[in-house]
Structures are given as structure tokens and as C-alpha cells.
Amino acid sequence: NPTATRTTPFGHLAITWDDRVLEPRSWTEAQSTWAAELLTGAP
């Protein structure tokens, strides 16, 4: 069933996804971390 959901840890979050979208990749947590660092000095 392509819409059968799964849950994947992503940082400290639990992300639900299914085969209609790309499975969350753990390495991309680094993108969130970098963006959060940039926010500390952002407008």
C-alpha cells in the first residue's frame, strides 16, 4: 500500500511519511542544524 505510513526519527522529531514522498534521510538533519544556526543572527 503506497499510502501505508511509517515513522522515522529526524533529529528529536518523529516524522511520518509514505511512499508518495521521499523517505527522510538522516544526513539532511545537517541542513536543519545549519539553518537553525543561521537564524540566530538573522533578521
PDB file of all heavy atoms in Angstrom:
ATOM      1  N   ASN A   1       0.849  -1.187   0.000  1.00  0.00           N
ATOM      2  CA  ASN A   1       0.000   0.000   0.000  1.00  0.00           C
ATOM      3  C   ASN A   1       0.885   1.238   0.000  1.00  0.00           C
ATOM      4  O   ASN A   1       1.608   1.480   0.975  1.00  0.00           O
ATOM      5  CB  ASN A   1      -0.898  -0.010   1.242  1.00  0.00           C
ATOM      6  CG  ASN A   1      -1.806   1.205   1.302  1.00  0.00           C
ATOM      7  OD1 ASN A   1      -1.744   2.096   0.456  1.00  0.00           O
ATOM      8  ND2 ASN A   1      -2.658   1.238   2.305  1.00  0.00           N
ATOM      9  N   PRO A   2       0.880   2.048  -1.079  1.00  0.00           N
ATOM     10  CA  PRO A   2       1.796   3.187  -1.139  1.00  0.00           C
ATOM     11  C   PRO A   2       1.503   4.245  -0.093  1.00  0.00           C
ATOM     12  O   PRO A   2       2.347   5.087   0.180  1.00  0.00           O
ATOM     13  CB  PRO A   2       1.576   3.736  -2.557  1.00  0.00           C
ATOM     14  CG  PRO A   2       0.208   3.284  -2.934  1.00  0.00           C
ATOM     15  CD  PRO A   2       0.029   1.955  -2.266  1.00  0.00           C
ATOM     16  N   THR A   3       0.298   4.228   0.479  1.00  0.00           N
ATOM     17  CA  THR A   3      -0.025   5.231   1.490  1.00  0.00           C
ATOM     18  C   THR A   3       0.064   4.674   2.910  1.00  0.00           C
ATOM     19  O   THR A   3      -0.387   5.318   3.850  1.00  0.00           O
ATOM     20  CB  THR A   3      -1.421   5.824   1.241  1.00  0.00           C
ATOM     21  OG1 THR A   3      -2.388   4.766   1.256  1.00  0.00           O
ATOM     22  CG2 THR A   3      -1.472   6.534  -0.096  1.00  0.00           C
ATOM     23  N   ALA A   4       0.626   3.469   3.055  1.00  0.00           N
ATOM     24  CA  ALA A   4       0.878   2.949   4.398  1.00  0.00           C
ATOM     25  C   ALA A   4       1.988   3.782   5.028  1.00  0.00           C
ATOM     26  O   ALA A   4       3.086   3.889   4.485  1.00  0.00           O
ATOM     27  CB  ALA A   4       1.281   1.478   4.324  1.00  0.00           C
ATOM     28  N   THR A   5       1.704   4.395   6.156  1.00  0.00           N
ATOM     29  CA  THR A   5       2.664   5.331   6.731  1.00  0.00           C
ATOM     30  C   THR A   5       3.706   4.625   7.584  1.00  0.00           C
ATOM     31  O   THR A   5       3.455   3.565   8.151  1.00  0.00           O
ATOM     32  CB  THR A   5       1.948   6.392   7.587  1.00  0.00           C
ATOM     33  OG1 THR A   5       1.214   5.736   8.623  1.00  0.00           O
ATOM     34  CG2 THR A   5       1.006   7.227   6.733  1.00  0.00           C
ATOM     35  N   ARG A   6       4.872   5.249   7.620  1.00  0.00           N
ATOM     36  CA  ARG A   6       5.950   4.839   8.505  1.00  0.00           C
ATOM     37  C   ARG A   6       6.426   6.065   9.271  1.00  0.00           C
ATOM     38  O   ARG A   6       6.174   7.193   8.840  1.00  0.00           O
ATOM     39  CB  ARG A   6       7.117   4.258   7.700  1.00  0.00           C
ATOM     40  CG  ARG A   6       6.922   2.814   7.288  1.00  0.00           C
ATOM     41  CD  ARG A   6       7.531   2.532   5.936  1.00  0.00           C
ATOM     42  NE  ARG A   6       6.677   3.060   4.881  1.00  0.00           N
ATOM     43  CZ  ARG A   6       6.961   2.976   3.587  1.00  0.00           C
ATOM     44  NH1 ARG A   6       8.090   2.412   3.202  1.00  0.00           N
ATOM     45  NH2 ARG A   6       6.149   3.459   2.689  1.00  0.00           N
ATOM     46  N   THR A   7       7.093   5.840  10.363  1.00  0.00           N
ATOM     47  CA  THR A   7       7.617   6.941  11.170  1.00  0.00           C
ATOM     48  C   THR A   7       9.115   6.773  11.324  1.00  0.00           C
ATOM     49  O   THR A   7       9.601   5.682  11.650  1.00  0.00           O
ATOM     50  CB  THR A   7       6.947   6.992  12.552  1.00  0.00           C
ATOM     51  OG1 THR A   7       5.537   7.163  12.371  1.00  0.00           O
ATOM     52  CG2 THR A   7       7.482   8.150  13.376  1.00  0.00           C
ATOM     53  N   THR A   8       9.835   7.856  11.044  1.00  0.00           N
ATOM     54  CA  THR A   8      11.298   7.847  11.044  1.00  0.00           C
ATOM     55  C   THR A   8      11.803   8.935  11.985  1.00  0.00           C
ATOM     56  O   THR A   8      11.324  10.076  11.916  1.00  0.00           O
ATOM     57  CB  THR A   8      11.825   8.109   9.623  1.00  0.00           C
ATOM     58  OG1 THR A   8      11.419   7.033   8.769  1.00  0.00           O
ATOM     59  CG2 THR A   8      13.338   8.219   9.600  1.00  0.00           C
ATOM     60  N   PRO A   9      12.769   8.621  12.862  1.00  0.00           N
ATOM     61  CA  PRO A   9      13.369   9.682  13.672  1.00  0.00           C
ATOM     62  C   PRO A   9      14.106  10.685  12.777  1.00  0.00           C
ATOM     63  O   PRO A   9      14.797  10.290  11.834  1.00  0.00           O
ATOM     64  CB  PRO A   9      14.352   8.930  14.575  1.00  0.00           C
ATOM     65  CG  PRO A   9      13.960   7.494  14.497  1.00  0.00           C
ATOM     66  CD  PRO A   9      13.352   7.299  13.151  1.00  0.00           C
ATOM     67  N   PHE A  10      13.936  11.958  13.086  1.00  0.00           N
ATOM     68  CA  PHE A  10      14.652  13.013  12.368  1.00  0.00           C
ATOM     69  C   PHE A  10      15.033  14.058  13.404  1.00  0.00           C
ATOM     70  O   PHE A  10      14.195  14.831  13.865  1.00  0.00           O
ATOM     71  CB  PHE A  10      13.774  13.617  11.275  1.00  0.00           C
ATOM     72  CG  PHE A  10      14.531  14.467  10.292  1.00  0.00           C
ATOM     73  CD1 PHE A  10      15.259  13.877   9.263  1.00  0.00           C
ATOM     74  CD2 PHE A  10      14.521  15.846  10.388  1.00  0.00           C
ATOM     75  CE1 PHE A  10      15.970  14.656   8.361  1.00  0.00           C
ATOM     76  CE2 PHE A  10      15.221  16.634   9.487  1.00  0.00           C
ATOM     77  CZ  PHE A  10      15.944  16.034   8.468  1.00  0.00           C
ATOM     78  N   GLY A  11      16.316  14.054  13.810  1.00  0.00           N
ATOM     79  CA  GLY A  11      16.680  14.825  14.984  1.00  0.00           C
ATOM     80  C   GLY A  11      15.872  14.297  16.156  1.00  0.00           C
ATOM     81  O   GLY A  11      15.785  13.081  16.356  1.00  0.00           O
ATOM     82  N   HIS A  12      15.275  15.206  16.924  1.00  0.00           N
ATOM     83  CA  HIS A  12      14.451  14.762  18.046  1.00  0.00           C
ATOM     84  C   HIS A  12      12.972  14.646  17.667  1.00  0.00           C
ATOM     85  O   HIS A  12      12.132  14.374  18.532  1.00  0.00           O
ATOM     86  CB  HIS A  12      14.616  15.714  19.236  1.00  0.00           C
ATOM     87  CG  HIS A  12      14.104  17.103  18.978  1.00  0.00           C
ATOM     88  ND1 HIS A  12      14.821  18.046  18.280  1.00  0.00           N
ATOM     89  CD2 HIS A  12      12.941  17.706  19.334  1.00  0.00           C
ATOM     90  CE1 HIS A  12      14.119  19.174  18.219  1.00  0.00           C
ATOM     91  NE2 HIS A  12      12.982  18.990  18.847  1.00  0.00           N
ATOM     92  N   LEU A  13      12.663  14.823  16.380  1.00  0.00           N
ATOM     93  CA  LEU A  13      11.289  14.704  15.919  1.00  0.00           C
ATOM     94  C   LEU A  13      11.015  13.294  15.393  1.00  0.00           C
ATOM     95  O   LEU A  13      11.926  12.563  15.014  1.00  0.00           O
ATOM     96  CB  LEU A  13      11.008  15.708  14.796  1.00  0.00           C
ATOM     97  CG  LEU A  13      11.222  17.193  15.110  1.00  0.00           C
ATOM     98  CD1 LEU A  13      10.881  18.030  13.891  1.00  0.00           C
ATOM     99  CD2 LEU A  13      10.395  17.632  16.314  1.00  0.00           C
ATOM    100  N   ALA A  14       9.748  12.927  15.361  1.00  0.00           N
ATOM    101  CA  ALA A  14       9.305  11.689  14.724  1.00  0.00           C
ATOM    102  C   ALA A  14       8.491  12.088  13.491  1.00  0.00           C
ATOM    103  O   ALA A  14       7.444  12.729  13.615  1.00  0.00           O
ATOM    104  CB  ALA A  14       8.455  10.860  15.680  1.00  0.00           C
ATOM    105  N   ILE A  15       8.993  11.745  12.306  1.00  0.00           N
ATOM    106  CA  ILE A  15       8.392  12.185  11.052  1.00  0.00           C
ATOM    107  C   ILE A  15       7.652  11.035  10.391  1.00  0.00           C
ATOM    108  O   ILE A  15       8.222   9.964  10.141  1.00  0.00           O
ATOM    109  CB  ILE A  15       9.461  12.748  10.096  1.00  0.00           C
ATOM    110  CG1 ILE A  15      10.146  13.975  10.714  1.00  0.00           C
ATOM    111  CG2 ILE A  15       8.863  13.076   8.733  1.00  0.00           C
ATOM    112  CD1 ILE A  15       9.228  15.162  10.957  1.00  0.00           C
ATOM    113  N   THR A  16       6.382  11.264  10.098  1.00  0.00           N
ATOM    114  CA  THR A  16       5.558  10.282   9.396  1.00  0.00           C
ATOM    115  C   THR A  16       5.617  10.549   7.895  1.00  0.00           C
ATOM    116  O   THR A  16       5.530  11.696   7.455  1.00  0.00           O
ATOM    117  CB  THR A  16       4.108  10.361   9.898  1.00  0.00           C
ATOM    118  OG1 THR A  16       4.075  10.004  11.287  1.00  0.00           O
ATOM    119  CG2 THR A  16       3.216   9.412   9.113  1.00  0.00           C
ATOM    120  N   TRP A  17       5.773   9.480   7.115  1.00  0.00           N
ATOM    121  CA  TRP A  17       5.867   9.613   5.662  1.00  0.00           C
ATOM    122  C   TRP A  17       5.317   8.340   5.022  1.00  0.00           C
ATOM    123  O   TRP A  17       5.040   7.354   5.706  1.00  0.00           O
ATOM    124  CB  TRP A  17       7.326   9.836   5.228  1.00  0.00           C
ATOM    125  CG  TRP A  17       8.247   8.706   5.615  1.00  0.00           C
ATOM    126  CD1 TRP A  17       8.769   8.453   6.850  1.00  0.00           C
ATOM    127  CD2 TRP A  17       8.698   7.649   4.770  1.00  0.00           C
ATOM    128  NE1 TRP A  17       9.523   7.306   6.829  1.00  0.00           N
ATOM    129  CE2 TRP A  17       9.508   6.797   5.564  1.00  0.00           C
ATOM    130  CE3 TRP A  17       8.515   7.338   3.424  1.00  0.00           C
ATOM    131  CZ2 TRP A  17      10.113   5.655   5.046  1.00  0.00           C
ATOM    132  CZ3 TRP A  17       9.127   6.206   2.914  1.00  0.00           C
ATOM    133  CH2 TRP A  17       9.923   5.388   3.719  1.00  0.00           C
ATOM    134  N   ASP A  18       5.135   8.376   3.723  1.00  0.00           N
ATOM    135  CA  ASP A  18       4.753   7.170   2.985  1.00  0.00           C
ATOM    136  C   ASP A  18       5.419   7.217   1.614  1.00  0.00           C
ATOM    137  O   ASP A  18       6.198   8.140   1.317  1.00  0.00           O
ATOM    138  CB  ASP A  18       3.231   7.018   2.908  1.00  0.00           C
ATOM    139  CG  ASP A  18       2.532   8.186   2.221  1.00  0.00           C
ATOM    140  OD1 ASP A  18       3.058   8.684   1.197  1.00  0.00           O
ATOM    141  OD2 ASP A  18       1.465   8.608   2.693  1.00  0.00           O
ATOM    142  N   ASP A  19       5.110   6.230   0.784  1.00  0.00           N
ATOM    143  CA  ASP A  19       5.835   6.089  -0.479  1.00  0.00           C
ATOM    144  C   ASP A  19       5.511   7.159  -1.507  1.00  0.00           C
ATOM    145  O   ASP A  19       6.114   7.195  -2.578  1.00  0.00           O
ATOM    146  CB  ASP A  19       5.549   4.710  -1.092  1.00  0.00           C
ATOM    147  CG  ASP A  19       6.227   3.583  -0.330  1.00  0.00           C
ATOM    148  OD1 ASP A  19       7.144   3.875   0.460  1.00  0.00           O
ATOM    149  OD2 ASP A  19       5.837   2.423  -0.527  1.00  0.00           O
ATOM    150  N   ARG A  20       4.582   8.061  -1.199  1.00  0.00           N
ATOM    151  CA  ARG A  20       4.298   9.155  -2.122  1.00  0.00           C
ATOM    152  C   ARG A  20       5.358  10.247  -2.055  1.00  0.00           C
ATOM    153  O   ARG A  20       5.432  11.098  -2.948  1.00  0.00           O
ATOM    154  CB  ARG A  20       2.920   9.736  -1.824  1.00  0.00           C
ATOM    155  CG  ARG A  20       1.773   8.755  -2.019  1.00  0.00           C
ATOM    156  CD  ARG A  20       0.456   9.349  -1.552  1.00  0.00           C
ATOM    157  NE  ARG A  20       0.480   9.661  -0.128  1.00  0.00           N
ATOM    158  CZ  ARG A  20      -0.460  10.362   0.496  1.00  0.00           C
ATOM    159  NH1 ARG A  20      -1.498  10.831  -0.192  1.00  0.00           N
ATOM    160  NH2 ARG A  20      -0.384  10.586   1.794  1.00  0.00           N
ATOM    161  N   VAL A  21       6.158  10.261  -0.998  1.00  0.00           N
ATOM    162  CA  VAL A  21       7.204  11.267  -0.832  1.00  0.00           C
ATOM    163  C   VAL A  21       8.534  10.572  -0.567  1.00  0.00           C
ATOM    164  O   VAL A  21       8.593   9.375  -0.317  1.00  0.00           O
ATOM    165  CB  VAL A  21       6.879  12.247   0.323  1.00  0.00           C
ATOM    166  CG1 VAL A  21       5.578  12.991   0.053  1.00  0.00           C
ATOM    167  CG2 VAL A  21       6.827  11.524   1.657  1.00  0.00           C
ATOM    168  N   LEU A  22       9.597  11.353  -0.606  1.00  0.00           N
ATOM    169  CA  LEU A  22      10.924  10.808  -0.365  1.00  0.00           C
ATOM    170  C   LEU A  22      11.101  10.472   1.113  1.00  0.00           C
ATOM    171  O   LEU A  22      10.738  11.258   1.991  1.00  0.00           O
ATOM    172  CB  LEU A  22      11.981  11.839  -0.788  1.00  0.00           C
ATOM    173  CG  LEU A  22      13.411  11.343  -0.964  1.00  0.00           C
ATOM    174  CD1 LEU A  22      13.505  10.344  -2.116  1.00  0.00           C
ATOM    175  CD2 LEU A  22      14.342  12.534  -1.224  1.00  0.00           C
ATOM    176  N   GLU A  23      11.663   9.310   1.385  1.00  0.00           N
ATOM    177  CA  GLU A  23      11.959   8.926   2.768  1.00  0.00           C
ATOM    178  C   GLU A  23      12.934   9.927   3.385  1.00  0.00           C
ATOM    179  O   GLU A  23      13.940  10.280   2.765  1.00  0.00           O
ATOM    180  CB  GLU A  23      12.567   7.532   2.807  1.00  0.00           C
ATOM    181  CG  GLU A  23      12.955   7.066   4.191  1.00  0.00           C
ATOM    182  CD  GLU A  23      13.579   5.680   4.210  1.00  0.00           C
ATOM    183  OE1 GLU A  23      13.711   5.067   3.127  1.00  0.00           O
ATOM    184  OE2 GLU A  23      13.942   5.217   5.307  1.00  0.00           O
ATOM    185  N   PRO A  24      12.671  10.430   4.591  1.00  0.00           N
ATOM    186  CA  PRO A  24      13.619  11.342   5.234  1.00  0.00           C
ATOM    187  C   PRO A  24      15.003  10.714   5.371  1.00  0.00           C
ATOM    188  O   PRO A  24      15.131   9.577   5.812  1.00  0.00           O
ATOM    189  CB  PRO A  24      12.985  11.600   6.609  1.00  0.00           C
ATOM    190  CG  PRO A  24      11.525  11.364   6.393  1.00  0.00           C
ATOM    191  CD  PRO A  24      11.448  10.237   5.393  1.00  0.00           C
ATOM    192  N   ARG A  25      16.015  11.459   4.944  1.00  0.00           N
ATOM    193  CA  ARG A  25      17.401  10.995   5.027  1.00  0.00           C
ATOM    194  C   ARG A  25      18.057  11.613   6.255  1.00  0.00           C
ATOM    195  O   ARG A  25      18.027  12.840   6.422  1.00  0.00           O
ATOM    196  CB  ARG A  25      18.189  11.424   3.796  1.00  0.00           C
ATOM    197  CG  ARG A  25      18.219  10.460   2.626  1.00  0.00           C
ATOM    198  CD  ARG A  25      16.897  10.042   2.074  1.00  0.00           C
ATOM    199  NE  ARG A  25      17.085   9.349   0.794  1.00  0.00           N
ATOM    200  CZ  ARG A  25      16.146   8.682   0.170  1.00  0.00           C
ATOM    201  NH1 ARG A  25      14.927   8.616   0.690  1.00  0.00           N
ATOM    202  NH2 ARG A  25      16.377   8.083  -0.975  1.00  0.00           N
ATOM    203  N   SER A  26      18.705  10.790   7.064  1.00  0.00           N
ATOM    204  CA  SER A  26      19.270  11.306   8.310  1.00  0.00           C
ATOM    205  C   SER A  26      20.343  12.359   8.064  1.00  0.00           C
ATOM    206  O   SER A  26      20.494  13.288   8.873  1.00  0.00           O
ATOM    207  CB  SER A  26      19.820  10.161   9.158  1.00  0.00           C
ATOM    208  OG  SER A  26      20.837   9.458   8.472  1.00  0.00           O
ATOM    209  N   TRP A  27      21.076  12.250   6.947  1.00  0.00           N
ATOM    210  CA  TRP A  27      22.149  13.219   6.726  1.00  0.00           C
ATOM    211  C   TRP A  27      21.612  14.631   6.547  1.00  0.00           C
ATOM    212  O   TRP A  27      22.310  15.611   6.831  1.00  0.00           O
ATOM    213  CB  TRP A  27      23.019  12.814   5.537  1.00  0.00           C
ATOM    214  CG  TRP A  27      22.465  13.095   4.158  1.00  0.00           C
ATOM    215  CD1 TRP A  27      21.747  12.241   3.381  1.00  0.00           C
ATOM    216  CD2 TRP A  27      22.623  14.299   3.398  1.00  0.00           C
ATOM    217  NE1 TRP A  27      21.425  12.840   2.184  1.00  0.00           N
ATOM    218  CE2 TRP A  27      21.954  14.105   2.163  1.00  0.00           C
ATOM    219  CE3 TRP A  27      23.246  15.525   3.624  1.00  0.00           C
ATOM    220  CZ2 TRP A  27      21.890  15.072   1.177  1.00  0.00           C
ATOM    221  CZ3 TRP A  27      23.182  16.495   2.641  1.00  0.00           C
ATOM    222  CH2 TRP A  27      22.519  16.265   1.432  1.00  0.00           C
ATOM    223  N   THR A  28      20.346  14.753   6.110  1.00  0.00           N
ATOM    224  CA  THR A  28      19.803  16.088   5.880  1.00  0.00           C
ATOM    225  C   THR A  28      19.413  16.804   7.170  1.00  0.00           C
ATOM    226  O   THR A  28      19.033  17.972   7.127  1.00  0.00           O
ATOM    227  CB  THR A  28      18.605  16.033   4.917  1.00  0.00           C
ATOM    228  OG1 THR A  28      17.546  15.254   5.498  1.00  0.00           O
ATOM    229  CG2 THR A  28      19.002  15.419   3.586  1.00  0.00           C
ATOM    230  N   GLU A  29      19.527  16.109   8.313  1.00  0.00           N
ATOM    231  CA  GLU A  29      19.398  16.827   9.582  1.00  0.00           C
ATOM    232  C   GLU A  29      20.414  17.961   9.647  1.00  0.00           C
ATOM    233  O   GLU A  29      20.168  18.997  10.292  1.00  0.00           O
ATOM    234  CB  GLU A  29      19.610  15.872  10.751  1.00  0.00           C
ATOM    235  CG  GLU A  29      18.535  14.807  10.900  1.00  0.00           C
ATOM    236  CD  GLU A  29      18.881  13.785  11.972  1.00  0.00           C
ATOM    237  OE1 GLU A  29      19.721  14.095  12.844  1.00  0.00           O
ATOM    238  OE2 GLU A  29      18.321  12.670  11.938  1.00  0.00           O
ATOM    239  N   ALA A  30      21.548  17.788   8.971  1.00  0.00           N
ATOM    240  CA  ALA A  30      22.582  18.829   8.957  1.00  0.00           C
ATOM    241  C   ALA A  30      22.071  20.106   8.299  1.00  0.00           C
ATOM    242  O   ALA A  30      22.521  21.207   8.641  1.00  0.00           O
ATOM    243  CB  ALA A  30      23.825  18.321   8.243  1.00  0.00           C
ATOM    244  N   GLN A  31      21.145  19.984   7.352  1.00  0.00           N
ATOM    245  CA  GLN A  31      20.570  21.177   6.727  1.00  0.00           C
ATOM    246  C   GLN A  31      19.731  21.953   7.741  1.00  0.00           C
ATOM    247  O   GLN A  31      19.809  23.185   7.806  1.00  0.00           O
ATOM    248  CB  GLN A  31      19.732  20.773   5.516  1.00  0.00           C
ATOM    249  CG  GLN A  31      19.254  21.951   4.680  1.00  0.00           C
ATOM    250  CD  GLN A  31      18.600  21.517   3.387  1.00  0.00           C
ATOM    251  OE1 GLN A  31      18.344  20.329   3.175  1.00  0.00           O
ATOM    252  NE2 GLN A  31      18.308  22.454   2.508  1.00  0.00           N
ATOM    253  N   SER A  32      18.958  21.237   8.528  1.00  0.00           N
ATOM    254  CA  SER A  32      18.164  21.888   9.577  1.00  0.00           C
ATOM    255  C   SER A  32      19.066  22.554  10.613  1.00  0.00           C
ATOM    256  O   SER A  32      18.806  23.692  11.039  1.00  0.00           O
ATOM    257  CB  SER A  32      17.272  20.858  10.279  1.00  0.00           C
ATOM    258  OG  SER A  32      16.423  20.205   9.384  1.00  0.00           O
ATOM    259  N   THR A  33      20.108  21.851  11.013  1.00  0.00           N
ATOM    260  CA  THR A  33      21.014  22.392  12.027  1.00  0.00           C
ATOM    261  C   THR A  33      21.688  23.656  11.533  1.00  0.00           C
ATOM    262  O   THR A  33      21.800  24.655  12.267  1.00  0.00           O
ATOM    263  CB  THR A  33      22.068  21.343  12.404  1.00  0.00           C
ATOM    264  OG1 THR A  33      21.405  20.163  12.880  1.00  0.00           O
ATOM    265  CG2 THR A  33      23.009  21.859  13.479  1.00  0.00           C
ATOM    266  N   TRP A  34      22.138  23.642  10.287  1.00  0.00           N
ATOM    267  CA  TRP A  34      22.801  24.818   9.708  1.00  0.00           C
ATOM    268  C   TRP A  34      21.814  25.984   9.616  1.00  0.00           C
ATOM    269  O   TRP A  34      22.139  27.128   9.982  1.00  0.00           O
ATOM    270  CB  TRP A  34      23.348  24.463   8.342  1.00  0.00           C
ATOM    271  CG  TRP A  34      24.383  25.422   7.813  1.00  0.00           C
ATOM    272  CD1 TRP A  34      24.844  26.559   8.416  1.00  0.00           C
ATOM    273  CD2 TRP A  34      25.082  25.310   6.570  1.00  0.00           C
ATOM    274  NE1 TRP A  34      25.787  27.166   7.634  1.00  0.00           N
ATOM    275  CE2 TRP A  34      25.955  26.425   6.492  1.00  0.00           C
ATOM    276  CE3 TRP A  34      25.049  24.387   5.538  1.00  0.00           C
ATOM    277  CZ2 TRP A  34      26.794  26.623   5.390  1.00  0.00           C
ATOM    278  CZ3 TRP A  34      25.893  24.598   4.438  1.00  0.00           C
ATOM    279  CH2 TRP A  34      26.742  25.695   4.373  1.00  0.00           C
ATOM    280  N   ALA A  35      20.610  25.713   9.142  1.00  0.00           N
ATOM    281  CA  ALA A  35      19.606  26.775   9.039  1.00  0.00           C
ATOM    282  C   ALA A  35      19.275  27.359  10.407  1.00  0.00           C
ATOM    283  O   ALA A  35      19.120  28.579  10.558  1.00  0.00           O
ATOM    284  CB  ALA A  35      18.343  26.231   8.369  1.00  0.00           C
ATOM    285  N   ALA A  36      19.183  26.506  11.421  1.00  0.00           N
ATOM    286  CA  ALA A  36      18.897  26.993  12.773  1.00  0.00           C
ATOM    287  C   ALA A  36      20.039  27.870  13.288  1.00  0.00           C
ATOM    288  O   ALA A  36      19.799  28.886  13.954  1.00  0.00           O
ATOM    289  CB  ALA A  36      18.672  25.810  13.712  1.00  0.00           C
ATOM    290  N   GLU A  37      21.270  27.504  12.971  1.00  0.00           N
ATOM    291  CA  GLU A  37      22.415  28.338  13.354  1.00  0.00           C
ATOM    292  C   GLU A  37      22.340  29.703  12.676  1.00  0.00           C
ATOM    293  O   GLU A  37      22.612  30.742  13.296  1.00  0.00           O
ATOM    294  CB  GLU A  37      23.717  27.631  12.976  1.00  0.00           C
ATOM    295  CG  GLU A  37      24.016  26.387  13.791  1.00  0.00           C
ATOM    296  CD  GLU A  37      25.175  25.580  13.225  1.00  0.00           C
ATOM    297  OE1 GLU A  37      25.696  25.954  12.135  1.00  0.00           O
ATOM    298  OE2 GLU A  37      25.554  24.573  13.839  1.00  0.00           O
ATOM    299  N   LEU A  38      21.968  29.718  11.397  1.00  0.00           N
ATOM    300  CA  LEU A  38      21.849  30.977  10.669  1.00  0.00           C
ATOM    301  C   LEU A  38      20.749  31.863  11.246  1.00  0.00           C
ATOM    302  O   LEU A  38      20.850  33.092  11.221  1.00  0.00           O
ATOM    303  CB  LEU A  38      21.582  30.701   9.188  1.00  0.00           C
ATOM    304  CG  LEU A  38      22.736  30.049   8.419  1.00  0.00           C
ATOM    305  CD1 LEU A  38      22.270  29.579   7.050  1.00  0.00           C
ATOM    306  CD2 LEU A  38      23.915  31.009   8.286  1.00  0.00           C
ATOM    307  N   LEU A  39      19.711  31.248  11.785  1.00  0.00           N
ATOM    308  CA  LEU A  39      18.605  32.023  12.348  1.00  0.00           C
ATOM    309  C   LEU A  39      19.010  32.831  13.566  1.00  0.00           C
ATOM    310  O   LEU A  39      18.381  33.858  13.864  1.00  0.00           O
ATOM    311  CB  LEU A  39      17.449  31.084  12.720  1.00  0.00           C
ATOM    312  CG  LEU A  39      16.534  30.649  11.577  1.00  0.00           C
ATOM    313  CD1 LEU A  39      15.598  29.551  12.045  1.00  0.00           C
ATOM    314  CD2 LEU A  39      15.732  31.839  11.040  1.00  0.00           C
ATOM    315  N   THR A  40      20.038  32.391  14.270  1.00  0.00           N
ATOM    316  CA  THR A  40      20.416  33.100  15.497  1.00  0.00           C
ATOM    317  C   THR A  40      20.866  34.529  15.220  1.00  0.00           C
ATOM    318  O   THR A  40      20.710  35.406  16.063  1.00  0.00           O
ATOM    319  CB  THR A  40      21.531  32.342  16.246  1.00  0.00           C
ATOM    320  OG1 THR A  40      22.698  32.253  15.412  1.00  0.00           O
ATOM    321  CG2 THR A  40      21.079  30.940  16.621  1.00  0.00           C
ATOM    322  N   GLY A  41      21.395  34.786  14.011  1.00  0.00           N
ATOM    323  CA  GLY A  41      21.814  36.137  13.676  1.00  0.00           C
ATOM    324  C   GLY A  41      21.032  36.737  12.534  1.00  0.00           C
ATOM    325  O   GLY A  41      21.424  37.766  11.977  1.00  0.00           O
ATOM    326  N   ALA A  42      19.920  36.113  12.171  1.00  0.00           N
ATOM    327  CA  ALA A  42      19.154  36.549  11.004  1.00  0.00           C
ATOM    328  C   ALA A  42      18.143  37.615  11.382  1.00  0.00           C
ATOM    329  O   ALA A  42      17.735  37.733  12.540  1.00  0.00           O
ATOM    330  CB  ALA A  42      18.434  35.351  10.382  1.00  0.00           C
ATOM    331  N   PRO A  43      17.690  38.405  10.412  1.00  0.00           N
ATOM    332  CA  PRO A  43      16.625  39.370  10.675  1.00  0.00           C
ATOM    333  C   PRO A  43      15.338  38.669  11.119  1.00  0.00           C
ATOM    334  O   PRO A  43      15.214  37.447  11.021  1.00  0.00           O
ATOM    335  CB  PRO A  43      16.428  40.051   9.306  1.00  0.00           C
ATOM    336  CG  PRO A  43      17.663  39.746   8.528  1.00  0.00           C
ATOM    337  CD  PRO A  43      18.168  38.432   9.026  1.00  0.00           C
TER     338      PRO A  43
END
